[in-house]
Amino acid sequence: MKVTGSTVHYVTPEVDAGPVICREEVAVQPGDTEETLHERIKAVEHRLLVEAVKILRTEDLS
């Protein structure tokens, strides 16, 4: 099974190298088009952003 997904992470000088806050895989379904896959990924991104904010609110960021 092929998968893609979304990751929320801290930003660092090196691209995509920051510690991961949260992530979720999205399966690539048979018959997926670019549009159908993009819509499922976008829904995951929206959920993850809310989850990341909740996680960050409980962390000591100092």
N, C-alpha and C. Protein backbone atom coordinates (compact mmCIF):
# COMPACT_ATOMS: atom_id res chain seq x y z
N MET A 1 0.84 -1.17 0.00
CA MET A 1 0.00 0.00 0.00
C MET A 1 0.89 1.24 0.00
N LYS A 2 0.56 2.17 -0.85
CA LYS A 2 1.28 3.43 -0.89
C LYS A 2 0.63 4.40 0.08
N VAL A 3 1.48 5.21 0.73
CA VAL A 3 0.97 6.21 1.65
C VAL A 3 1.68 7.53 1.43
N THR A 4 1.01 8.56 1.80
CA THR A 4 1.56 9.90 1.88
C THR A 4 1.11 10.42 3.23
N GLY A 5 1.10 11.69 3.44
CA GLY A 5 0.62 12.17 4.71
C GLY A 5 0.98 13.61 4.96
N SER A 6 0.87 13.98 6.22
CA SER A 6 1.14 15.35 6.63
C SER A 6 1.86 15.32 7.97
N THR A 7 2.77 16.27 8.14
CA THR A 7 3.55 16.39 9.36
C THR A 7 3.58 17.84 9.79
N VAL A 8 3.39 18.07 11.08
CA VAL A 8 3.58 19.40 11.66
C VAL A 8 4.85 19.30 12.50
N HIS A 9 5.79 20.19 12.24
CA HIS A 9 7.05 20.14 12.99
C HIS A 9 7.56 21.55 13.26
N TYR A 10 8.49 21.63 14.20
CA TYR A 10 9.14 22.90 14.48
C TYR A 10 9.99 23.29 13.28
N VAL A 11 10.08 24.59 13.03
CA VAL A 11 10.89 25.10 11.93
C VAL A 11 12.31 25.31 12.44
N THR A 12 13.27 24.82 11.66
CA THR A 12 14.69 24.99 11.95
C THR A 12 15.37 25.52 10.70
N PRO A 13 16.62 25.98 10.83
CA PRO A 13 17.31 26.48 9.64
C PRO A 13 17.40 25.44 8.51
N GLU A 14 17.52 24.17 8.87
CA GLU A 14 17.58 23.11 7.86
C GLU A 14 16.15 22.71 7.49
N VAL A 15 15.86 22.65 6.21
CA VAL A 15 14.51 22.35 5.73
C VAL A 15 14.04 20.98 6.23
N ASP A 16 12.82 20.95 6.78
CA ASP A 16 12.16 19.72 7.24
C ASP A 16 12.98 18.94 8.27
N ALA A 17 13.78 19.63 9.07
CA ALA A 17 14.64 18.94 10.04
C ALA A 17 14.19 19.13 11.48
N GLY A 18 13.17 19.96 11.71
CA GLY A 18 12.74 20.23 13.07
C GLY A 18 12.04 19.05 13.71
N PRO A 19 12.03 19.04 15.03
CA PRO A 19 11.33 17.96 15.74
C PRO A 19 9.84 17.92 15.36
N VAL A 20 9.34 16.71 15.22
CA VAL A 20 7.94 16.51 14.81
C VAL A 20 7.02 16.75 16.00
N ILE A 21 5.96 17.50 15.76
CA ILE A 21 4.93 17.74 16.77
C ILE A 21 3.84 16.68 16.63
N CYS A 22 3.38 16.45 15.40
CA CYS A 22 2.40 15.39 15.14
C CYS A 22 2.42 15.07 13.65
N ARG A 23 1.94 13.89 13.33
CA ARG A 23 1.88 13.46 11.92
C ARG A 23 0.78 12.44 11.74
N GLU A 24 0.36 12.30 10.49
CA GLU A 24 -0.67 11.31 10.17
C GLU A 24 -0.48 10.85 8.73
N GLU A 25 -0.56 9.54 8.54
CA GLU A 25 -0.46 8.97 7.20
C GLU A 25 -1.82 9.05 6.50
N VAL A 26 -1.76 9.12 5.17
CA VAL A 26 -2.96 9.08 4.33
C VAL A 26 -2.69 8.03 3.26
N ALA A 27 -3.55 7.02 3.19
CA ALA A 27 -3.38 5.96 2.20
C ALA A 27 -3.74 6.48 0.81
N VAL A 28 -2.95 6.05 -0.16
CA VAL A 28 -3.27 6.33 -1.56
C VAL A 28 -4.18 5.20 -2.02
N GLN A 29 -5.42 5.55 -2.34
CA GLN A 29 -6.44 4.57 -2.70
C GLN A 29 -6.40 4.27 -4.20
N PRO A 30 -6.74 3.03 -4.59
CA PRO A 30 -6.86 2.74 -6.01
C PRO A 30 -7.86 3.71 -6.64
N GLY A 31 -7.52 4.24 -7.77
CA GLY A 31 -8.42 5.17 -8.46
C GLY A 31 -8.30 6.60 -7.99
N ASP A 32 -7.44 6.87 -7.01
CA ASP A 32 -7.25 8.25 -6.57
C ASP A 32 -6.77 9.10 -7.73
N THR A 33 -7.27 10.31 -7.76
CA THR A 33 -6.73 11.31 -8.67
C THR A 33 -5.96 12.30 -7.82
N GLU A 34 -5.25 13.19 -8.46
CA GLU A 34 -4.53 14.22 -7.72
C GLU A 34 -5.51 15.00 -6.84
N GLU A 35 -6.68 15.26 -7.38
CA GLU A 35 -7.67 16.05 -6.64
C GLU A 35 -8.24 15.30 -5.44
N THR A 36 -8.60 14.02 -5.60
CA THR A 36 -9.20 13.28 -4.48
C THR A 36 -8.18 13.07 -3.37
N LEU A 37 -6.95 12.77 -3.74
CA LEU A 37 -5.90 12.60 -2.74
C LEU A 37 -5.62 13.92 -2.03
N HIS A 38 -5.56 15.00 -2.79
CA HIS A 38 -5.31 16.32 -2.20
C HIS A 38 -6.39 16.68 -1.19
N GLU A 39 -7.64 16.39 -1.49
CA GLU A 39 -8.73 16.70 -0.57
C GLU A 39 -8.59 15.93 0.74
N ARG A 40 -8.22 14.64 0.67
CA ARG A 40 -8.04 13.85 1.89
C ARG A 40 -6.85 14.35 2.70
N ILE A 41 -5.77 14.70 2.01
CA ILE A 41 -4.59 15.23 2.72
C ILE A 41 -4.94 16.56 3.38
N LYS A 42 -5.67 17.40 2.68
CA LYS A 42 -6.05 18.71 3.23
C LYS A 42 -6.89 18.54 4.50
N ALA A 43 -7.79 17.58 4.53
CA ALA A 43 -8.60 17.33 5.72
C ALA A 43 -7.71 16.92 6.89
N VAL A 44 -6.71 16.09 6.62
CA VAL A 44 -5.76 15.67 7.65
C VAL A 44 -4.95 16.87 8.14
N GLU A 45 -4.49 17.70 7.22
CA GLU A 45 -3.73 18.89 7.60
C GLU A 45 -4.52 19.78 8.55
N HIS A 46 -5.79 19.96 8.27
CA HIS A 46 -6.63 20.81 9.12
C HIS A 46 -6.74 20.22 10.53
N ARG A 47 -6.93 18.91 10.62
CA ARG A 47 -7.00 18.25 11.93
C ARG A 47 -5.68 18.37 12.68
N LEU A 48 -4.57 18.16 11.94
CA LEU A 48 -3.26 18.19 12.59
C LEU A 48 -2.89 19.57 13.11
N LEU A 49 -3.29 20.61 12.40
CA LEU A 49 -2.99 21.96 12.88
C LEU A 49 -3.67 22.22 14.22
N VAL A 50 -4.91 21.79 14.34
CA VAL A 50 -5.63 21.94 15.62
C VAL A 50 -4.94 21.11 16.70
N GLU A 51 -4.58 19.88 16.37
CA GLU A 51 -3.90 19.00 17.32
C GLU A 51 -2.57 19.61 17.76
N ALA A 52 -1.81 20.16 16.81
CA ALA A 52 -0.51 20.76 17.13
C ALA A 52 -0.66 21.94 18.08
N VAL A 53 -1.67 22.77 17.85
CA VAL A 53 -1.90 23.91 18.75
C VAL A 53 -2.22 23.41 20.16
N LYS A 54 -3.04 22.38 20.26
CA LYS A 54 -3.36 21.83 21.58
C LYS A 54 -2.11 21.30 22.27
N ILE A 55 -1.26 20.61 21.53
CA ILE A 55 -0.01 20.09 22.08
C ILE A 55 0.89 21.24 22.54
N LEU A 56 1.03 22.24 21.70
CA LEU A 56 1.92 23.36 22.02
C LEU A 56 1.41 24.16 23.21
N ARG A 57 0.12 24.21 23.41
CA ARG A 57 -0.44 24.95 24.55
C ARG A 57 -0.05 24.30 25.87
N THR A 58 0.25 23.01 25.86
CA THR A 58 0.60 22.31 27.10
C THR A 58 2.11 22.22 27.31
N GLU A 59 2.91 22.62 26.32
CA GLU A 59 4.36 22.55 26.44
C GLU A 59 4.93 23.84 27.01
N ASP A 60 6.05 23.70 27.69
CA ASP A 60 6.80 24.86 28.15
C ASP A 60 7.73 25.25 27.02
N LEU A 61 7.44 26.34 26.34
CA LEU A 61 8.21 26.74 25.16
C LEU A 61 9.35 27.69 25.49
N SER A 62 9.61 27.92 26.76
CA SER A 62 10.69 28.85 27.12
C SER A 62 12.05 28.20 27.02
